[in-house]
Amino acid sequence: MPIKLKRDPSTLRVALKRCDECLFTRNRLVSEDRMAGILAECERSGAAFECHKATLSGDEYMCRGYYDEVQPAVARLARELGRLVFVEHPAKQ
């Protein structure tokens, strides 16, 4: 039996807007040193930073602050190919 995917794997999903605890705001959940470490690890590994609100809800999409501030190559490519999708954060419980 084929596996049904939750979403189209050929698209890059990005938060429509920054959340209130975005890594790129003063309200971030981590210190500036930890933020620098996270960004260095993303750069070293070639991975994008996932929005923590997405991971907490069991979803996967790129942090809007990361998209805006870092402008990773994968996002530029997805935009050029028409494969970039902006998604709303989940509703608060």
PDB file of N, CA and C in Angstrom:
ATOM      1  N   MET A   1       0.845  -1.172   0.000  1.00  0.00           N
ATOM      2  CA  MET A   1       0.000   0.000   0.000  1.00  0.00           C
ATOM      3  C   MET A   1       0.899   1.247   0.000  1.00  0.00           C
ATOM      4  N   PRO A   2       0.660   2.218  -0.901  1.00  0.00           N
ATOM      5  CA  PRO A   2       1.475   3.425  -0.949  1.00  0.00           C
ATOM      6  C   PRO A   2       1.262   4.298   0.293  1.00  0.00           C
ATOM      7  N   ILE A   3       2.306   4.986   0.664  1.00  0.00           N
ATOM      8  CA  ILE A   3       2.233   5.907   1.796  1.00  0.00           C
ATOM      9  C   ILE A   3       1.652   7.233   1.310  1.00  0.00           C
ATOM     10  N   LYS A   4       0.715   7.769   2.046  1.00  0.00           N
ATOM     11  CA  LYS A   4       0.148   9.081   1.716  1.00  0.00           C
ATOM     12  C   LYS A   4       0.938  10.142   2.480  1.00  0.00           C
ATOM     13  N   LEU A   5       1.529  11.061   1.735  1.00  0.00           N
ATOM     14  CA  LEU A   5       2.304  12.132   2.351  1.00  0.00           C
ATOM     15  C   LEU A   5       1.380  13.226   2.860  1.00  0.00           C
ATOM     16  N   LYS A   6       1.759  13.849   3.965  1.00  0.00           N
ATOM     17  CA  LYS A   6       0.967  14.935   4.532  1.00  0.00           C
ATOM     18  C   LYS A   6       1.023  16.177   3.648  1.00  0.00           C
ATOM     19  N   ARG A   7       2.135  16.346   2.944  1.00  0.00           N
ATOM     20  CA  ARG A   7       2.306  17.546   2.138  1.00  0.00           C
ATOM     21  C   ARG A   7       3.167  17.225   0.930  1.00  0.00           C
ATOM     22  N   ASP A   8       3.219  18.149   0.001  1.00  0.00           N
ATOM     23  CA  ASP A   8       3.999  17.986  -1.221  1.00  0.00           C
ATOM     24  C   ASP A   8       5.484  18.145  -0.900  1.00  0.00           C
ATOM     25  N   PRO A   9       6.286  17.100  -1.033  1.00  0.00           N
ATOM     26  CA  PRO A   9       7.710  17.195  -0.687  1.00  0.00           C
ATOM     27  C   PRO A   9       8.522  18.055  -1.661  1.00  0.00           C
ATOM     28  N   SER A  10       7.916  18.461  -2.770  1.00  0.00           N
ATOM     29  CA  SER A  10       8.652  19.290  -3.730  1.00  0.00           C
ATOM     30  C   SER A  10       8.508  20.785  -3.433  1.00  0.00           C
ATOM     31  N   THR A  11       7.827  21.128  -2.339  1.00  0.00           N
ATOM     32  CA  THR A  11       7.680  22.533  -1.974  1.00  0.00           C
ATOM     33  C   THR A  11       8.482  22.845  -0.720  1.00  0.00           C
ATOM     34  N   LEU A  12       8.859  24.095  -0.591  1.00  0.00           N
ATOM     35  CA  LEU A  12       9.502  24.575   0.627  1.00  0.00           C
ATOM     36  C   LEU A  12       8.471  25.417   1.364  1.00  0.00           C
ATOM     37  N   ARG A  13       8.147  25.011   2.564  1.00  0.00           N
ATOM     38  CA  ARG A  13       7.151  25.709   3.363  1.00  0.00           C
ATOM     39  C   ARG A  13       7.856  26.660   4.320  1.00  0.00           C
ATOM     40  N   VAL A  14       7.346  27.890   4.391  1.00  0.00           N
ATOM     41  CA  VAL A  14       7.920  28.942   5.232  1.00  0.00           C
ATOM     42  C   VAL A  14       6.776  29.599   5.996  1.00  0.00           C
ATOM     43  N   ALA A  15       7.024  29.937   7.254  1.00  0.00           N
ATOM     44  CA  ALA A  15       6.004  30.637   8.037  1.00  0.00           C
ATOM     45  C   ALA A  15       5.626  31.937   7.337  1.00  0.00           C
ATOM     46  N   LEU A  16       4.341  32.227   7.310  1.00  0.00           N
ATOM     47  CA  LEU A  16       3.836  33.443   6.674  1.00  0.00           C
ATOM     48  C   LEU A  16       4.366  34.687   7.380  1.00  0.00           C
ATOM     49  N   LYS A  17       4.465  34.628   8.701  1.00  0.00           N
ATOM     50  CA  LYS A  17       5.022  35.748   9.460  1.00  0.00           C
ATOM     51  C   LYS A  17       5.805  35.212  10.654  1.00  0.00           C
ATOM     52  N   ARG A  18       6.603  36.070  11.223  1.00  0.00           N
ATOM     53  CA  ARG A  18       7.396  35.680  12.390  1.00  0.00           C
ATOM     54  C   ARG A  18       6.481  35.461  13.589  1.00  0.00           C
ATOM     55  N   CYS A  19       6.815  34.481  14.393  1.00  0.00           N
ATOM     56  CA  CYS A  19       6.037  34.259  15.610  1.00  0.00           C
ATOM     57  C   CYS A  19       6.524  35.202  16.705  1.00  0.00           C
ATOM     58  N   ASP A  20       5.810  35.219  17.802  1.00  0.00           N
ATOM     59  CA  ASP A  20       6.139  36.129  18.889  1.00  0.00           C
ATOM     60  C   ASP A  20       7.408  35.744  19.656  1.00  0.00           C
ATOM     61  N   GLU A  21       7.935  34.569  19.410  1.00  0.00           N
ATOM     62  CA  GLU A  21       9.166  34.118  20.058  1.00  0.00           C
ATOM     63  C   GLU A  21      10.248  33.772  19.028  1.00  0.00           C
ATOM     64  N   CYS A  22      10.173  34.389  17.877  1.00  0.00           N
ATOM     65  CA  CYS A  22      11.094  34.104  16.781  1.00  0.00           C
ATOM     66  C   CYS A  22      12.549  34.277  17.220  1.00  0.00           C
ATOM     67  N   LEU A  23      13.397  33.444  16.696  1.00  0.00           N
ATOM     68  CA  LEU A  23      14.833  33.504  16.978  1.00  0.00           C
ATOM     69  C   LEU A  23      15.410  34.870  16.636  1.00  0.00           C
ATOM     70  N   PHE A  24      14.767  35.583  15.747  1.00  0.00           N
ATOM     71  CA  PHE A  24      15.277  36.874  15.278  1.00  0.00           C
ATOM     72  C   PHE A  24      14.558  38.066  15.930  1.00  0.00           C
ATOM     73  N   THR A  25      13.984  37.853  17.098  1.00  0.00           N
ATOM     74  CA  THR A  25      13.358  38.940  17.859  1.00  0.00           C
ATOM     75  C   THR A  25      13.950  38.984  19.259  1.00  0.00           C
ATOM     76  N   ARG A  26      13.650  40.040  19.969  1.00  0.00           N
ATOM     77  CA  ARG A  26      14.107  40.161  21.365  1.00  0.00           C
ATOM     78  C   ARG A  26      13.446  39.137  22.271  1.00  0.00           C
ATOM     79  N   ASN A  27      12.316  38.623  21.867  1.00  0.00           N
ATOM     80  CA  ASN A  27      11.577  37.650  22.680  1.00  0.00           C
ATOM     81  C   ASN A  27      12.016  36.206  22.439  1.00  0.00           C
ATOM     82  N   ARG A  28      13.115  36.011  21.726  1.00  0.00           N
ATOM     83  CA  ARG A  28      13.565  34.645  21.427  1.00  0.00           C
ATOM     84  C   ARG A  28      13.758  33.860  22.728  1.00  0.00           C
ATOM     85  N   LEU A  29      13.670  32.561  22.610  1.00  0.00           N
ATOM     86  CA  LEU A  29      13.732  31.676  23.771  1.00  0.00           C
ATOM     87  C   LEU A  29      15.149  31.312  24.186  1.00  0.00           C
ATOM     88  N   VAL A  30      16.132  31.703  23.404  1.00  0.00           N
ATOM     89  CA  VAL A  30      17.520  31.330  23.683  1.00  0.00           C
ATOM     90  C   VAL A  30      18.392  32.577  23.789  1.00  0.00           C
ATOM     91  N   SER A  31      19.572  32.409  24.353  1.00  0.00           N
ATOM     92  CA  SER A  31      20.521  33.517  24.473  1.00  0.00           C
ATOM     93  C   SER A  31      21.104  33.875  23.107  1.00  0.00           C
ATOM     94  N   GLU A  32      21.766  35.018  23.050  1.00  0.00           N
ATOM     95  CA  GLU A  32      22.426  35.416  21.796  1.00  0.00           C
ATOM     96  C   GLU A  32      23.522  34.418  21.419  1.00  0.00           C
ATOM     97  N   ASP A  33      24.232  33.897  22.414  1.00  0.00           N
ATOM     98  CA  ASP A  33      25.274  32.895  22.138  1.00  0.00           C
ATOM     99  C   ASP A  33      24.679  31.631  21.537  1.00  0.00           C
ATOM    100  N   ARG A  34      23.556  31.171  22.106  1.00  0.00           N
ATOM    101  CA  ARG A  34      22.911  29.972  21.570  1.00  0.00           C
ATOM    102  C   ARG A  34      22.383  30.234  20.170  1.00  0.00           C
ATOM    103  N   MET A  35      21.831  31.423  19.948  1.00  0.00           N
ATOM    104  CA  MET A  35      21.359  31.795  18.618  1.00  0.00           C
ATOM    105  C   MET A  35      22.500  31.710  17.611  1.00  0.00           C
ATOM    106  N   ALA A  36      23.647  32.266  17.974  1.00  0.00           N
ATOM    107  CA  ALA A  36      24.811  32.219  17.083  1.00  0.00           C
ATOM    108  C   ALA A  36      25.213  30.779  16.799  1.00  0.00           C
ATOM    109  N   GLY A  37      25.150  29.933  17.812  1.00  0.00           N
ATOM    110  CA  GLY A  37      25.473  28.517  17.628  1.00  0.00           C
ATOM    111  C   GLY A  37      24.503  27.820  16.694  1.00  0.00           C
ATOM    112  N   ILE A  38      23.223  28.119  16.847  1.00  0.00           N
ATOM    113  CA  ILE A  38      22.197  27.535  15.970  1.00  0.00           C
ATOM    114  C   ILE A  38      22.444  27.938  14.522  1.00  0.00           C
ATOM    115  N   LEU A  39      22.695  29.220  14.308  1.00  0.00           N
ATOM    116  CA  LEU A  39      22.916  29.709  12.945  1.00  0.00           C
ATOM    117  C   LEU A  39      24.196  29.137  12.351  1.00  0.00           C
ATOM    118  N   ALA A  40      25.237  29.000  13.172  1.00  0.00           N
ATOM    119  CA  ALA A  40      26.490  28.400  12.696  1.00  0.00           C
ATOM    120  C   ALA A  40      26.273  26.941  12.303  1.00  0.00           C
ATOM    121  N   GLU A  41      25.499  26.218  13.090  1.00  0.00           N
ATOM    122  CA  GLU A  41      25.214  24.809  12.783  1.00  0.00           C
ATOM    123  C   GLU A  41      24.387  24.695  11.502  1.00  0.00           C
ATOM    124  N   CYS A  42      23.417  25.582  11.316  1.00  0.00           N
ATOM    125  CA  CYS A  42      22.632  25.576  10.070  1.00  0.00           C
ATOM    126  C   CYS A  42      23.545  25.813   8.866  1.00  0.00           C
ATOM    127  N   GLU A  43      24.444  26.771   9.000  1.00  0.00           N
ATOM    128  CA  GLU A  43      25.362  27.076   7.899  1.00  0.00           C
ATOM    129  C   GLU A  43      26.313  25.910   7.635  1.00  0.00           C
ATOM    130  N   ARG A  44      26.849  25.329   8.706  1.00  0.00           N
ATOM    131  CA  ARG A  44      27.797  24.218   8.568  1.00  0.00           C
ATOM    132  C   ARG A  44      27.145  23.003   7.913  1.00  0.00           C
ATOM    133  N   SER A  45      25.913  22.712   8.328  1.00  0.00           N
ATOM    134  CA  SER A  45      25.248  21.501   7.852  1.00  0.00           C
ATOM    135  C   SER A  45      24.446  21.705   6.567  1.00  0.00           C
ATOM    136  N   GLY A  46      24.201  22.966   6.217  1.00  0.00           N
ATOM    137  CA  GLY A  46      23.382  23.241   5.039  1.00  0.00           C
ATOM    138  C   GLY A  46      21.898  23.109   5.316  1.00  0.00           C
ATOM    139  N   ALA A  47      21.542  22.986   6.582  1.00  0.00           N
ATOM    140  CA  ALA A  47      20.130  22.851   6.955  1.00  0.00           C
ATOM    141  C   ALA A  47      19.511  24.220   7.190  1.00  0.00           C
ATOM    142  N   ALA A  48      18.219  24.288   7.022  1.00  0.00           N
ATOM    143  CA  ALA A  48      17.488  25.515   7.334  1.00  0.00           C
ATOM    144  C   ALA A  48      16.956  25.405   8.758  1.00  0.00           C
ATOM    145  N   PHE A  49      16.687  26.537   9.370  1.00  0.00           N
ATOM    146  CA  PHE A  49      16.161  26.556  10.729  1.00  0.00           C
ATOM    147  C   PHE A  49      14.642  26.434  10.676  1.00  0.00           C
ATOM    148  N   GLU A  50      14.124  25.391  11.307  1.00  0.00           N
ATOM    149  CA  GLU A  50      12.682  25.177  11.347  1.00  0.00           C
ATOM    150  C   GLU A  50      12.059  26.014  12.443  1.00  0.00           C
ATOM    151  N   CYS A  51      10.883  26.519  12.179  1.00  0.00           N
ATOM    152  CA  CYS A  51      10.138  27.281  13.174  1.00  0.00           C
ATOM    153  C   CYS A  51       9.813  26.372  14.361  1.00  0.00           C
ATOM    154  N   HIS A  52      10.096  26.845  15.567  1.00  0.00           N
ATOM    155  CA  HIS A  52       9.833  26.015  16.746  1.00  0.00           C
ATOM    156  C   HIS A  52       8.333  25.806  16.965  1.00  0.00           C
ATOM    157  N   LYS A  53       7.517  26.752  16.533  1.00  0.00           N
ATOM    158  CA  LYS A  53       6.068  26.577  16.660  1.00  0.00           C
ATOM    159  C   LYS A  53       5.601  25.415  15.774  1.00  0.00           C
ATOM    160  N   ALA A  54       6.234  25.273  14.635  1.00  0.00           N
ATOM    161  CA  ALA A  54       5.896  24.160  13.744  1.00  0.00           C
ATOM    162  C   ALA A  54       6.284  22.838  14.387  1.00  0.00           C
ATOM    163  N   THR A  55       7.499  22.759  14.899  1.00  0.00           N
ATOM    164  CA  THR A  55       7.953  21.493  15.484  1.00  0.00           C
ATOM    165  C   THR A  55       7.115  21.112  16.696  1.00  0.00           C
ATOM    166  N   LEU A  56       6.692  22.102  17.488  1.00  0.00           N
ATOM    167  CA  LEU A  56       5.859  21.816  18.658  1.00  0.00           C
ATOM    168  C   LEU A  56       4.490  21.271  18.260  1.00  0.00           C
ATOM    169  N   SER A  57       4.016  21.651  17.077  1.00  0.00           N
ATOM    170  CA  SER A  57       2.707  21.179  16.618  1.00  0.00           C
ATOM    171  C   SER A  57       2.809  19.948  15.716  1.00  0.00           C
ATOM    172  N   GLY A  58       4.032  19.425  15.544  1.00  0.00           N
ATOM    173  CA  GLY A  58       4.215  18.243  14.710  1.00  0.00           C
ATOM    174  C   GLY A  58       4.284  18.549  13.225  1.00  0.00           C
ATOM    175  N   ASP A  59       4.501  19.805  12.872  1.00  0.00           N
ATOM    176  CA  ASP A  59       4.573  20.223  11.481  1.00  0.00           C
ATOM    177  C   ASP A  59       6.031  20.539  11.130  1.00  0.00           C
ATOM    178  N   GLU A  60       6.271  20.902   9.892  1.00  0.00           N
ATOM    179  CA  GLU A  60       7.614  21.268   9.447  1.00  0.00           C
ATOM    180  C   GLU A  60       7.514  22.443   8.483  1.00  0.00           C
ATOM    181  N   TYR A  61       8.121  23.561   8.864  1.00  0.00           N
ATOM    182  CA  TYR A  61       8.282  24.676   7.942  1.00  0.00           C
ATOM    183  C   TYR A  61       9.364  25.603   8.459  1.00  0.00           C
ATOM    184  N   MET A  62       9.961  26.337   7.532  1.00  0.00           N
ATOM    185  CA  MET A  62      11.081  27.210   7.849  1.00  0.00           C
ATOM    186  C   MET A  62      10.628  28.420   8.662  1.00  0.00           C
ATOM    187  N   CYS A  63      11.465  28.816   9.584  1.00  0.00           N
ATOM    188  CA  CYS A  63      11.252  30.023  10.379  1.00  0.00           C
ATOM    189  C   CYS A  63      11.243  31.238   9.456  1.00  0.00           C
ATOM    190  N   ARG A  64      10.249  32.120   9.635  1.00  0.00           N
ATOM    191  CA  ARG A  64      10.159  33.308   8.781  1.00  0.00           C
ATOM    192  C   ARG A  64      11.333  34.256   9.017  1.00  0.00           C
ATOM    193  N   GLY A  65      11.774  34.367  10.253  1.00  0.00           N
ATOM    194  CA  GLY A  65      12.937  35.206  10.538  1.00  0.00           C
ATOM    195  C   GLY A  65      14.176  34.689   9.828  1.00  0.00           C
ATOM    196  N   TYR A  66      14.346  33.374   9.816  1.00  0.00           N
ATOM    197  CA  TYR A  66      15.486  32.766   9.119  1.00  0.00           C
ATOM    198  C   TYR A  66      15.384  33.046   7.623  1.00  0.00           C
ATOM    199  N   TYR A  67      14.208  32.899   7.082  1.00  0.00           N
ATOM    200  CA  TYR A  67      13.972  33.176   5.659  1.00  0.00           C
ATOM    201  C   TYR A  67      14.319  34.621   5.326  1.00  0.00           C
ATOM    202  N   ASP A  68      13.853  35.562   6.153  1.00  0.00           N
ATOM    203  CA  ASP A  68      14.075  36.991   5.898  1.00  0.00           C
ATOM    204  C   ASP A  68      15.524  37.417   6.123  1.00  0.00           C
ATOM    205  N   GLU A  69      16.114  36.971   7.202  1.00  0.00           N
ATOM    206  CA  GLU A  69      17.425  37.460   7.616  1.00  0.00           C
ATOM    207  C   GLU A  69      18.591  36.729   6.957  1.00  0.00           C
ATOM    208  N   VAL A  70      18.483  35.429   6.822  1.00  0.00           N
ATOM    209  CA  VAL A  70      19.585  34.626   6.269  1.00  0.00           C
ATOM    210  C   VAL A  70      19.467  34.485   4.754  1.00  0.00           C
ATOM    211  N   GLN A  71      18.251  34.435   4.276  1.00  0.00           N
ATOM    212  CA  GLN A  71      17.982  34.241   2.851  1.00  0.00           C
ATOM    213  C   GLN A  71      18.765  33.044   2.300  1.00  0.00           C
ATOM    214  N   PRO A  72      18.479  31.847   2.848  1.00  0.00           N
ATOM    215  CA  PRO A  72      19.227  30.661   2.432  1.00  0.00           C
ATOM    216  C   PRO A  72      19.031  30.331   0.951  1.00  0.00           C
ATOM    217  N   ALA A  73      20.026  29.703   0.392  1.00  0.00           N
ATOM    218  CA  ALA A  73      20.006  29.354  -1.031  1.00  0.00           C
ATOM    219  C   ALA A  73      18.800  28.489  -1.382  1.00  0.00           C
ATOM    220  N   VAL A  74      18.434  27.569  -0.508  1.00  0.00           N
ATOM    221  CA  VAL A  74      17.299  26.692  -0.799  1.00  0.00           C
ATOM    222  C   VAL A  74      16.016  27.505  -0.952  1.00  0.00           C
ATOM    223  N   ALA A  75      15.865  28.572  -0.188  1.00  0.00           N
ATOM    224  CA  ALA A  75      14.675  29.412  -0.303  1.00  0.00           C
ATOM    225  C   ALA A  75      14.695  30.218  -1.599  1.00  0.00           C
ATOM    226  N   ARG A  76      15.862  30.710  -1.960  1.00  0.00           N
ATOM    227  CA  ARG A  76      15.961  31.456  -3.223  1.00  0.00           C
ATOM    228  C   ARG A  76      15.638  30.541  -4.403  1.00  0.00           C
ATOM    229  N   LEU A  77      16.139  29.325  -4.357  1.00  0.00           N
ATOM    230  CA  LEU A  77      15.887  28.365  -5.426  1.00  0.00           C
ATOM    231  C   LEU A  77      14.398  27.994  -5.494  1.00  0.00           C
ATOM    232  N   ALA A  78      13.806  27.713  -4.335  1.00  0.00           N
ATOM    233  CA  ALA A  78      12.382  27.371  -4.301  1.00  0.00           C
ATOM    234  C   ALA A  78      11.531  28.515  -4.842  1.00  0.00           C
ATOM    235  N   ARG A  79      11.894  29.742  -4.509  1.00  0.00           N
ATOM    236  CA  ARG A  79      11.153  30.904  -5.008  1.00  0.00           C
ATOM    237  C   ARG A  79      11.271  30.989  -6.527  1.00  0.00           C
ATOM    238  N   GLU A  80      12.485  30.815  -7.035  1.00  0.00           N
ATOM    239  CA  GLU A  80      12.708  30.884  -8.492  1.00  0.00           C
ATOM    240  C   GLU A  80      11.945  29.789  -9.239  1.00  0.00           C
ATOM    241  N   LEU A  81      11.819  28.631  -8.614  1.00  0.00           N
ATOM    242  CA  LEU A  81      11.127  27.506  -9.250  1.00  0.00           C
ATOM    243  C   LEU A  81       9.619  27.509  -9.004  1.00  0.00           C
ATOM    244  N   GLY A  82       9.154  28.488  -8.253  1.00  0.00           N
ATOM    245  CA  GLY A  82       7.728  28.548  -7.948  1.00  0.00           C
ATOM    246  C   GLY A  82       7.290  27.480  -6.971  1.00  0.00           C
ATOM    247  N   ARG A  83       8.195  27.035  -6.112  1.00  0.00           N
ATOM    248  CA  ARG A  83       7.902  25.944  -5.174  1.00  0.00           C
ATOM    249  C   ARG A  83       7.922  26.416  -3.720  1.00  0.00           C
ATOM    250  N   LEU A  84       7.778  27.709  -3.505  1.00  0.00           N
ATOM    251  CA  LEU A  84       7.779  28.292  -2.168  1.00  0.00           C
ATOM    252  C   LEU A  84       6.332  28.497  -1.720  1.00  0.00           C
ATOM    253  N   VAL A  85       6.009  28.014  -0.530  1.00  0.00           N
ATOM    254  CA  VAL A  85       4.659  28.108   0.004  1.00  0.00           C
ATOM    255  C   VAL A  85       4.735  28.720   1.404  1.00  0.00           C
ATOM    256  N   PHE A  86       3.942  29.753   1.648  1.00  0.00           N
ATOM    257  CA  PHE A  86       3.883  30.377   2.965  1.00  0.00           C
ATOM    258  C   PHE A  86       2.699  29.799   3.737  1.00  0.00           C
ATOM    259  N   VAL A  87       2.933  29.455   4.995  1.00  0.00           N
ATOM    260  CA  VAL A  87       1.902  28.808   5.810  1.00  0.00           C
ATOM    261  C   VAL A  87       1.670  29.584   7.106  1.00  0.00           C
ATOM    262  N   GLU A  88       0.436  29.538   7.578  1.00  0.00           N
ATOM    263  CA  GLU A  88       0.050  30.153   8.842  1.00  0.00           C
ATOM    264  C   GLU A  88       0.557  29.301  10.005  1.00  0.00           C
ATOM    265  N   HIS A  89       0.845  29.961  11.111  1.00  0.00           N
ATOM    266  CA  HIS A  89       1.162  29.228  12.340  1.00  0.00           C
ATOM    267  C   HIS A  89      -0.103  28.541  12.835  1.00  0.00           C
ATOM    268  N   PRO A  90       0.046  27.433  13.564  1.00  0.00           N
ATOM    269  CA  PRO A  90      -1.150  26.781  14.106  1.00  0.00           C
ATOM    270  C   PRO A  90      -1.852  27.693  15.115  1.00  0.00           C
ATOM    271  N   ALA A  91      -3.137  27.533  15.234  1.00  0.00           N
ATOM    272  CA  ALA A  91      -3.907  28.322  16.206  1.00  0.00           C
ATOM    273  C   ALA A  91      -3.472  27.957  17.617  1.00  0.00           C
ATOM    274  N   LYS A  92      -3.464  28.943  18.495  1.00  0.00           N
ATOM    275  CA  LYS A  92      -3.097  28.683  19.891  1.00  0.00           C
ATOM    276  C   LYS A  92      -4.180  27.851  20.551  1.00  0.00           C
ATOM    277  N   GLN A  93      -3.740  26.924  21.367  1.00  0.00           N
ATOM    278  CA  GLN A  93      -4.668  26.035  22.072  1.00  0.00           C
ATOM    279  C   GLN A  93      -5.211  26.690  23.318  1.00  0.00           C
TER     280      GLN A  93
END
